[in-house]
């Protein structure tokens, strides 16, 4: 069986709101064994909504829409579904009473515009919404099913969990589940990684695919099985083989982050990390601060665009100190076990000549990653942040780094 998700709202097309609904719905459908054929986003236009629903019903067994069920004139999902399925729009008196009661229970008076929310395509099955004013509904059409859900995330999620998923499981007798595992890597490019696991990427169940992000490449293992346990048993040997082939480049799985991994390793060793950065727009400190677990492992940081200004702040003897010297100075200043530096070493040079230098210092020694070209933009900054954090990870795990380690004070 195949499903299609249609998110509706001009604000999505304008980028004013990020569509998180379709990703969440797709995950829930996967849990009950439904494959998502595609996702589509359309604006608040009756013809486009109708066409999208009509196409979805022609391609998939199940179409789920989200958004466009509000009380205003630009909320056109009801009308779009009615048009796609050849139905009239009717007023449901029972729904009207429920909506009025919803407002009364909150000490408010229902306006005339809210009457629209009590209208549905003729013959639709109402899915009542106890957490909002936009009732959902389901319409069967030529053997396929379209379900309209509100766009407000907490309302959509409630109805999905409490009404839609049970409805689908009962209607289709769903037994199979789709499960996935994401292996996260850093320090290796997608093309290089793909050359290491080409045979695994040709498998049919589980399937293996890659997705590149700034500074990391994810490997997703997806399988379909009769039970969650059976799915996990199919995934486990593939994950084991991936780890065996990629070894030191794997830093975590699923929702784990590189910053979180570093903080966890610091906590295990009872260590702390201080950061100094001129090239990463406080990205390293930001990544560490965004983690809730093991927050004590981050001893603080300093981010200044000018290397001479940073040198003065840290009382360096040289106005243009090396990255390892700055890493050691910030370690001492913060009283940390480790000091990490990501420094734009040629801040006054043309962009094409600028390099970023990475160093990690501890009492009695330091290590450095290979310098990399300075680049601007979120994606490039992501690479720089991951390079710096990976230097810490490798040190804590005893893995090799780009330029090796040196012993002796770095002051």
Protein backbone atom coordinates (compact mmCIF):
# COMPACT_ATOMS: atom_id res chain seq x y z
CA UNK A 1 0.00 0.00 0.00
CA UNK A 2 1.11 3.50 -0.78
CA UNK A 3 0.30 6.83 0.85
CA UNK A 4 0.68 10.44 -0.22
CA UNK A 5 0.89 13.51 2.01
CA UNK A 6 -0.33 16.94 0.88
CA UNK A 7 0.53 19.97 2.98
CA UNK A 8 -1.58 23.02 2.22
CA UNK A 9 -0.79 26.68 2.83
CA UNK A 10 0.72 29.56 0.89
CA UNK A 11 2.84 30.40 3.94
CA UNK A 12 4.69 27.13 3.40
CA UNK A 13 5.54 28.04 -0.20
CA UNK A 14 6.75 31.48 0.90
CA UNK A 15 9.03 29.94 3.50
CA UNK A 16 7.29 31.76 6.34
CA UNK A 17 6.59 28.43 8.05
CA UNK A 18 8.73 25.31 7.83
CA UNK A 19 6.77 22.16 7.01
CA UNK A 20 7.35 19.76 9.90
CA UNK A 21 3.95 18.08 9.57
CA UNK A 22 4.72 15.94 6.53
CA UNK A 23 7.90 14.52 8.10
CA UNK A 24 6.06 13.62 11.29
CA UNK A 25 3.11 12.07 9.46
CA UNK A 26 5.47 10.03 7.29
CA UNK A 27 7.16 8.66 10.41
CA UNK A 28 3.83 7.63 11.91
CA UNK A 29 2.74 5.92 8.70
CA UNK A 30 6.02 4.05 8.60
CA UNK A 31 5.40 2.70 12.08
CA UNK A 32 2.26 0.94 10.86
CA UNK A 33 3.81 -0.29 7.63
CA UNK A 34 2.58 2.24 5.06
CA UNK A 35 4.98 3.44 2.36
CA UNK A 36 4.84 7.15 1.51
CA UNK A 37 4.74 7.53 -2.27
CA UNK A 38 5.43 11.26 -2.27
CA UNK A 39 4.77 14.50 -0.43
CA UNK A 40 3.33 17.59 -2.11
CA UNK A 41 2.92 21.19 -0.96
CA UNK A 42 0.35 23.52 -2.53
CA UNK A 43 -0.83 27.01 -1.71
CA UNK A 44 -4.28 28.24 -0.74
CA UNK A 45 -5.76 27.87 -4.21
CA UNK A 46 -8.89 25.85 -4.84
CA UNK A 47 -7.88 24.53 -8.26
CA UNK A 48 -4.41 23.47 -7.11
CA UNK A 49 -5.71 21.78 -3.98
CA UNK A 50 -8.33 19.92 -6.01
CA UNK A 51 -5.79 18.84 -8.61
CA UNK A 52 -3.30 17.70 -5.95
CA UNK A 53 -5.94 15.59 -4.19
CA UNK A 54 -7.15 14.15 -7.50
CA UNK A 55 -3.60 13.19 -8.48
CA UNK A 56 -2.96 11.72 -5.05
CA UNK A 57 -6.04 9.53 -5.18
CA UNK A 58 -4.99 8.29 -8.61
CA UNK A 59 -1.49 7.37 -7.42
CA UNK A 60 -1.99 6.15 -3.85
CA UNK A 61 -4.33 4.13 -1.66
CA UNK A 62 -4.27 6.79 1.04
CA UNK A 63 -3.99 10.58 0.84
CA UNK A 64 -3.53 12.65 3.99
CA UNK A 65 -3.86 16.42 3.79
CA UNK A 66 -2.85 18.82 6.51
CA UNK A 67 -3.86 22.48 6.67
CA UNK A 68 -6.58 24.61 5.15
CA UNK A 69 -9.37 23.64 7.58
CA UNK A 70 -9.65 27.00 9.32
CA UNK A 71 -12.58 29.44 9.26
CA UNK A 72 -11.30 32.02 6.76
CA UNK A 73 -11.95 32.35 3.04
CA UNK A 74 -8.46 31.13 2.13
CA UNK A 75 -9.03 27.81 3.95
CA UNK A 76 -10.09 25.73 0.97
CA UNK A 77 -9.20 22.13 1.74
CA UNK A 78 -12.81 21.04 2.24
CA UNK A 79 -13.83 22.50 -1.10
CA UNK A 80 -10.73 21.07 -2.83
CA UNK A 81 -11.45 17.56 -1.61
CA UNK A 82 -15.13 17.90 -2.49
CA UNK A 83 -14.20 18.98 -6.00
CA UNK A 84 -11.69 16.15 -6.42
CA UNK A 85 -14.22 13.53 -5.32
CA UNK A 86 -17.29 15.02 -7.03
CA UNK A 87 -19.17 15.85 -3.84
CA UNK A 88 -21.15 18.79 -2.54
CA UNK A 89 -20.25 20.72 0.63
CA UNK A 90 -22.82 20.31 3.42
CA UNK A 91 -23.29 21.74 6.91
CA UNK A 92 -23.11 19.17 9.71
CA UNK A 93 -25.39 20.43 12.51
CA UNK A 94 -23.78 18.12 15.06
CA UNK A 95 -20.37 19.58 14.30
CA UNK A 96 -21.76 23.08 14.53
CA UNK A 97 -23.02 22.37 18.03
CA UNK A 98 -19.69 20.90 19.07
CA UNK A 99 -17.77 23.93 17.79
CA UNK A 100 -20.13 26.30 19.61
CA UNK A 101 -19.68 24.26 22.80
CA UNK A 102 -15.88 24.41 22.35
CA UNK A 103 -15.99 28.20 22.35
CA UNK A 104 -18.52 28.38 25.19
CA UNK A 105 -16.32 26.14 27.33
CA UNK A 106 -13.56 28.72 27.02
CA UNK A 107 -15.81 31.68 27.73
CA UNK A 108 -15.88 32.83 24.10
CA UNK A 109 -18.63 33.34 21.56
CA UNK A 110 -18.43 31.53 18.24
CA UNK A 111 -18.42 33.90 15.27
CA UNK A 112 -20.24 33.33 11.99
CA UNK A 113 -16.94 32.60 10.25
CA UNK A 114 -16.50 29.50 12.41
CA UNK A 115 -19.64 28.00 10.87
CA UNK A 116 -17.44 27.13 7.91
CA UNK A 117 -15.57 24.64 10.09
CA UNK A 118 -18.76 22.63 10.47
CA UNK A 119 -18.97 22.06 6.72
CA UNK A 120 -17.64 18.88 5.14
CA UNK A 121 -17.91 17.04 1.80
CA UNK A 122 -21.20 15.14 1.59
CA UNK A 123 -20.89 11.61 2.92
CA UNK A 124 -17.57 12.24 4.68
CA UNK A 125 -16.80 10.44 7.93
CA UNK A 126 -16.23 13.02 10.66
CA UNK A 127 -13.10 12.71 12.82
CA UNK A 128 -13.91 14.80 15.87
CA UNK A 129 -11.31 17.16 17.25
CA UNK A 130 -11.44 17.65 21.03
CA UNK A 131 -8.33 19.86 21.06
CA UNK A 132 -9.35 22.47 18.47
CA UNK A 133 -12.10 23.90 16.30
CA UNK A 134 -11.16 22.29 12.99
CA UNK A 135 -12.78 18.84 12.73
CA UNK A 136 -11.00 16.36 10.52
CA UNK A 137 -12.78 14.05 8.12
CA UNK A 138 -12.27 11.07 5.83
CA UNK A 139 -13.69 10.53 2.34
CA UNK A 140 -13.61 7.28 0.41
CA UNK A 141 -13.28 7.59 -3.35
CA UNK A 142 -13.00 4.76 -5.85
CA UNK A 143 -11.25 2.45 -3.41
CA UNK A 144 -8.85 5.07 -2.05
CA UNK A 145 -9.16 7.15 1.10
CA UNK A 146 -8.42 10.83 1.69
CA UNK A 147 -8.13 12.12 5.25
CA UNK A 148 -8.07 15.85 5.99
CA UNK A 149 -6.24 16.95 9.14
CA UNK A 150 -5.71 20.42 10.64
CA UNK A 151 -2.42 22.16 9.99
CA UNK A 152 -1.89 23.20 13.62
CA UNK A 153 0.81 20.69 14.67
CA UNK A 154 -0.51 19.75 18.12
CA UNK A 155 -4.04 19.22 16.76
CA UNK A 156 -2.75 17.19 13.81
CA UNK A 157 -0.59 14.99 16.02
CA UNK A 158 -3.37 14.35 18.52
CA UNK A 159 -5.81 13.30 15.80
CA UNK A 160 -3.19 11.22 14.03
CA UNK A 161 -2.32 9.28 17.17
CA UNK A 162 -5.80 8.91 18.66
CA UNK A 163 -7.99 8.55 15.59
CA UNK A 164 -6.24 8.19 12.24
CA UNK A 165 -3.69 5.47 12.99
CA UNK A 166 -6.26 3.21 14.72
CA UNK A 167 -8.64 3.81 11.79
CA UNK A 168 -5.98 2.81 9.27
CA UNK A 169 -4.90 -0.26 11.21
CA UNK A 170 -8.47 -1.49 11.45
CA UNK A 171 -9.43 -0.61 7.88
CA UNK A 172 -6.40 -2.16 6.21
CA UNK A 173 -5.53 -4.84 8.77
CA UNK A 174 -2.03 -3.43 8.98
CA UNK A 175 0.45 -5.79 10.57
CA UNK A 176 3.79 -4.93 8.95
CA UNK A 177 6.03 -2.20 10.27
CA UNK A 178 8.70 -0.11 8.61
CA UNK A 179 11.71 0.59 10.81
CA UNK A 180 14.89 2.53 10.20
CA UNK A 181 18.25 3.18 11.76
CA UNK A 182 20.49 6.11 10.88
CA UNK A 183 24.24 5.70 11.27
CA UNK A 184 25.94 9.08 11.50
CA UNK A 185 29.46 9.73 10.24
CA UNK A 186 31.88 12.65 9.99
CA UNK A 187 35.29 13.21 8.45
CA UNK A 188 34.42 11.33 5.27
CA UNK A 189 32.75 12.60 2.09
CA UNK A 190 29.60 11.08 0.62
CA UNK A 191 31.32 9.83 -2.53
CA UNK A 192 34.13 8.20 -0.57
CA UNK A 193 31.66 6.65 1.82
CA UNK A 194 29.55 5.35 -1.05
CA UNK A 195 32.61 3.61 -2.50
CA UNK A 196 33.03 1.71 0.77
CA UNK A 197 29.50 0.30 0.94
CA UNK A 198 28.31 0.02 -2.71
CA UNK A 199 27.06 -3.57 -2.31
CA UNK A 200 25.02 -2.65 0.77
CA UNK A 201 23.34 0.16 -1.16
CA UNK A 202 22.06 -2.37 -3.71
CA UNK A 203 20.13 -4.42 -1.14
CA UNK A 204 16.33 -4.55 -1.33
CA UNK A 205 15.33 -5.30 2.27
CA UNK A 206 16.81 -3.67 4.19
CA UNK A 207 17.59 -0.77 1.90
CA UNK A 208 20.63 1.43 2.53
CA UNK A 209 20.94 5.04 1.41
CA UNK A 210 23.07 8.09 2.22
CA UNK A 211 22.24 11.72 2.94
CA UNK A 212 24.89 14.44 3.12
CA UNK A 213 24.65 17.31 5.60
CA UNK A 214 27.15 20.06 6.43
CA UNK A 215 30.05 18.23 8.03
CA UNK A 216 28.47 14.79 8.22
CA UNK A 217 27.01 12.01 6.10
CA UNK A 218 24.14 9.86 7.34
CA UNK A 219 23.52 6.27 6.32
CA UNK A 220 19.88 5.22 6.69
CA UNK A 221 19.01 1.53 6.95
CA UNK A 222 15.31 0.92 6.32
CA UNK A 223 13.44 -2.36 6.44
CA UNK A 224 9.92 -3.71 6.33
CA UNK A 225 8.92 -6.66 8.50
CA UNK A 226 5.96 -8.22 10.27
CA UNK A 227 6.98 -6.99 13.73
CA UNK A 228 9.26 -4.39 15.27
CA UNK A 229 11.51 -7.13 16.63
CA UNK A 230 11.82 -8.79 13.22
CA UNK A 231 12.66 -5.41 11.65
CA UNK A 232 15.37 -4.77 14.23
CA UNK A 233 16.83 -8.22 13.56
CA UNK A 234 17.12 -7.38 9.87
CA UNK A 235 18.75 -4.01 10.57
CA UNK A 236 21.28 -5.18 13.18
CA UNK A 237 23.69 -7.14 10.91
CA UNK A 238 23.68 -4.39 8.29
CA UNK A 239 24.50 -1.76 10.91
CA UNK A 240 27.27 -4.01 12.25
CA UNK A 241 28.77 -4.35 8.77
CA UNK A 242 28.61 -0.58 8.17
CA UNK A 243 30.37 0.06 11.46
CA UNK A 244 33.02 -2.53 10.62
CA UNK A 245 33.78 -0.90 7.28
CA UNK A 246 33.66 2.73 8.36
CA UNK A 247 35.07 2.32 11.86
CA UNK A 248 36.51 5.59 13.15
CA UNK A 249 34.21 7.72 10.97
CA UNK A 250 31.04 6.64 12.81
CA UNK A 251 30.17 8.91 15.72
CA UNK A 252 26.56 8.03 16.53
CA UNK A 253 23.13 6.83 15.46
CA UNK A 254 19.63 8.22 14.94
CA UNK A 255 19.17 11.53 16.81
CA UNK A 256 22.68 11.65 18.28
CA UNK A 257 24.82 14.67 17.35
CA UNK A 258 28.56 15.12 17.18
CA UNK A 259 28.43 17.79 19.89
CA UNK A 260 26.41 15.45 22.11
CA UNK A 261 28.88 12.64 21.49
CA UNK A 262 31.80 14.88 22.48
CA UNK A 263 30.06 15.96 25.69
CA UNK A 264 29.26 12.36 26.56
CA UNK A 265 32.88 11.32 26.07
CA UNK A 266 34.05 14.24 28.21
CA UNK A 267 31.63 13.21 30.97
CA UNK A 268 32.90 9.62 30.92
CA UNK A 269 36.47 10.85 31.45
CA UNK A 270 35.52 13.56 33.93
CA UNK A 271 36.96 16.25 31.63
CA UNK A 272 35.92 19.73 30.54
CA UNK A 273 36.40 21.61 27.27
CA UNK A 274 36.94 25.31 26.59
CA UNK A 275 36.62 26.76 23.08
CA UNK A 276 38.12 29.72 21.26
CA UNK A 277 36.99 30.48 17.70
CA UNK A 278 37.42 33.26 15.16
CA UNK A 279 36.38 31.39 12.00
CA UNK A 280 33.17 29.62 12.95
CA UNK A 281 30.81 32.41 14.06
CA UNK A 282 30.47 30.88 17.54
CA UNK A 283 29.21 27.70 15.86
CA UNK A 284 31.24 25.35 18.07
CA UNK A 285 30.03 26.92 21.30
CA UNK A 286 26.49 27.06 19.91
CA UNK A 287 26.51 23.36 19.07
CA UNK A 288 27.73 22.45 22.56
CA UNK A 289 25.26 24.79 24.28
CA UNK A 290 22.36 23.31 22.34
CA UNK A 291 22.90 19.93 24.03
CA UNK A 292 21.01 19.40 27.28
CA UNK A 293 22.90 16.33 28.49
CA UNK A 294 26.33 16.58 30.11
CA UNK A 295 26.26 20.37 29.87
CA UNK A 296 28.91 20.67 32.59
CA UNK A 297 31.49 19.36 30.15
CA UNK A 298 31.55 22.70 28.33
CA UNK A 299 33.66 25.15 30.32
CA UNK A 300 32.82 28.14 28.14
CA UNK A 301 34.13 29.80 25.04
CA UNK A 302 35.25 32.95 23.34
CA UNK A 303 34.36 34.02 19.81
CA UNK A 304 35.97 37.11 18.30
CA UNK A 305 36.36 37.76 14.58
CA UNK A 306 39.77 39.43 14.91
CA UNK A 307 42.70 37.18 15.81
CA UNK A 308 44.80 40.12 17.16
CA UNK A 309 41.90 41.18 19.40
CA UNK A 310 41.60 37.63 20.64
CA UNK A 311 45.34 37.47 21.30
CA UNK A 312 45.08 40.62 23.39
CA UNK A 313 42.12 39.25 25.31
CA UNK A 314 43.99 36.07 26.17
CA UNK A 315 47.23 37.98 26.94
CA UNK A 316 49.22 36.21 24.25
CA UNK A 317 52.78 37.42 23.73
CA UNK A 318 52.38 37.38 19.93
CA UNK A 319 49.68 39.45 18.15
CA UNK A 320 49.15 36.57 15.72
CA UNK A 321 49.56 33.44 17.83
CA UNK A 322 49.15 29.96 16.41
CA UNK A 323 46.04 27.88 17.00
CA UNK A 324 47.75 25.58 19.51
CA UNK A 325 48.92 28.53 21.59
CA UNK A 326 45.39 30.00 21.65
CA UNK A 327 43.94 26.59 22.51
CA UNK A 328 46.29 26.33 25.50
CA UNK A 329 45.66 29.90 26.63
CA UNK A 330 41.89 29.47 26.58
CA UNK A 331 42.25 26.14 28.42
CA UNK A 332 44.20 27.90 31.16
CA UNK A 333 41.88 30.91 31.25
CA UNK A 334 38.80 28.70 31.69
CA UNK A 335 40.45 26.17 33.98
CA UNK A 336 39.45 23.38 31.58
CA UNK A 337 40.98 19.99 30.87
CA UNK A 338 41.07 20.67 27.13
CA UNK A 339 41.24 23.76 24.98
CA UNK A 340 39.92 23.79 21.40
CA UNK A 341 40.75 26.46 18.84
CA UNK A 342 39.36 27.11 15.37
CA UNK A 343 41.30 30.10 14.11
CA UNK A 344 41.25 32.04 10.85
CA UNK A 345 45.01 32.28 10.49
CA UNK A 346 45.03 34.66 7.52
CA UNK A 347 42.25 37.04 8.36
CA UNK A 348 43.72 39.90 6.32
CA UNK A 349 44.40 37.85 3.19
CA UNK A 350 42.16 37.41 0.13
CA UNK A 351 39.39 34.89 0.71
CA UNK A 352 40.90 32.32 -1.64
CA UNK A 353 44.11 32.27 0.47
CA UNK A 354 42.53 32.15 3.90
CA UNK A 355 42.77 28.99 5.94
CA UNK A 356 41.25 27.81 9.19
CA UNK A 357 43.55 26.13 11.69
CA UNK A 358 42.31 23.68 14.32
CA UNK A 359 44.13 22.73 17.51
CA UNK A 360 43.36 20.90 20.73
CA UNK A 361 45.49 21.48 23.81
CA UNK A 362 45.78 19.70 27.14
CA UNK A 363 48.30 19.92 29.94
CA UNK A 364 51.58 18.86 28.39
CA UNK A 365 50.55 18.45 24.78
CA UNK A 366 48.44 19.35 21.78
CA UNK A 367 47.15 17.98 18.49
CA UNK A 368 46.00 19.58 15.26
CA UNK A 369 43.69 18.74 12.39
CA UNK A 370 44.72 19.54 8.85
CA UNK A 371 44.03 23.20 7.97
CA UNK A 372 41.09 23.77 5.66
CA UNK A 373 40.14 26.59 3.33
CA UNK A 374 37.98 29.32 4.85
CA UNK A 375 34.46 29.35 3.44
CA UNK A 376 31.35 31.37 4.23
CA UNK A 377 27.73 30.31 4.46
CA UNK A 378 25.87 27.90 6.77
CA UNK A 379 26.96 24.74 4.94
CA UNK A 380 30.64 25.68 4.99
CA UNK A 381 30.42 26.71 8.63
CA UNK A 382 28.90 23.33 9.39
CA UNK A 383 31.97 21.63 7.93
CA UNK A 384 34.28 23.77 10.05
CA UNK A 385 32.35 23.11 13.26
CA UNK A 386 32.31 19.36 12.63
CA UNK A 387 36.03 19.34 11.85
CA UNK A 388 36.77 21.03 15.16
CA UNK A 389 34.49 18.79 17.23
CA UNK A 390 35.78 15.68 15.48
CA UNK A 391 39.30 16.62 16.58
CA UNK A 392 38.09 16.43 20.19
CA UNK A 393 36.23 13.15 19.59
CA UNK A 394 39.27 11.54 18.03
CA UNK A 395 41.52 12.64 20.88
CA UNK A 396 39.16 11.26 23.52
CA UNK A 397 38.88 7.93 21.68
CA UNK A 398 42.58 7.66 20.93
CA UNK A 399 42.02 7.84 17.16
CA UNK A 400 44.52 9.39 14.70
CA UNK A 401 44.13 13.05 13.75
CA UNK A 402 45.25 15.02 10.73
CA UNK A 403 48.58 16.33 11.97
CA UNK A 404 49.23 14.02 14.89
CA UNK A 405 50.04 14.94 18.47
CA UNK A 406 52.88 16.78 20.08
CA UNK A 407 54.06 16.58 23.66
CA UNK A 408 55.45 19.43 25.65
CA UNK A 409 53.89 22.71 26.72
CA UNK A 410 52.37 24.88 24.03
CA UNK A 411 52.63 28.18 25.79
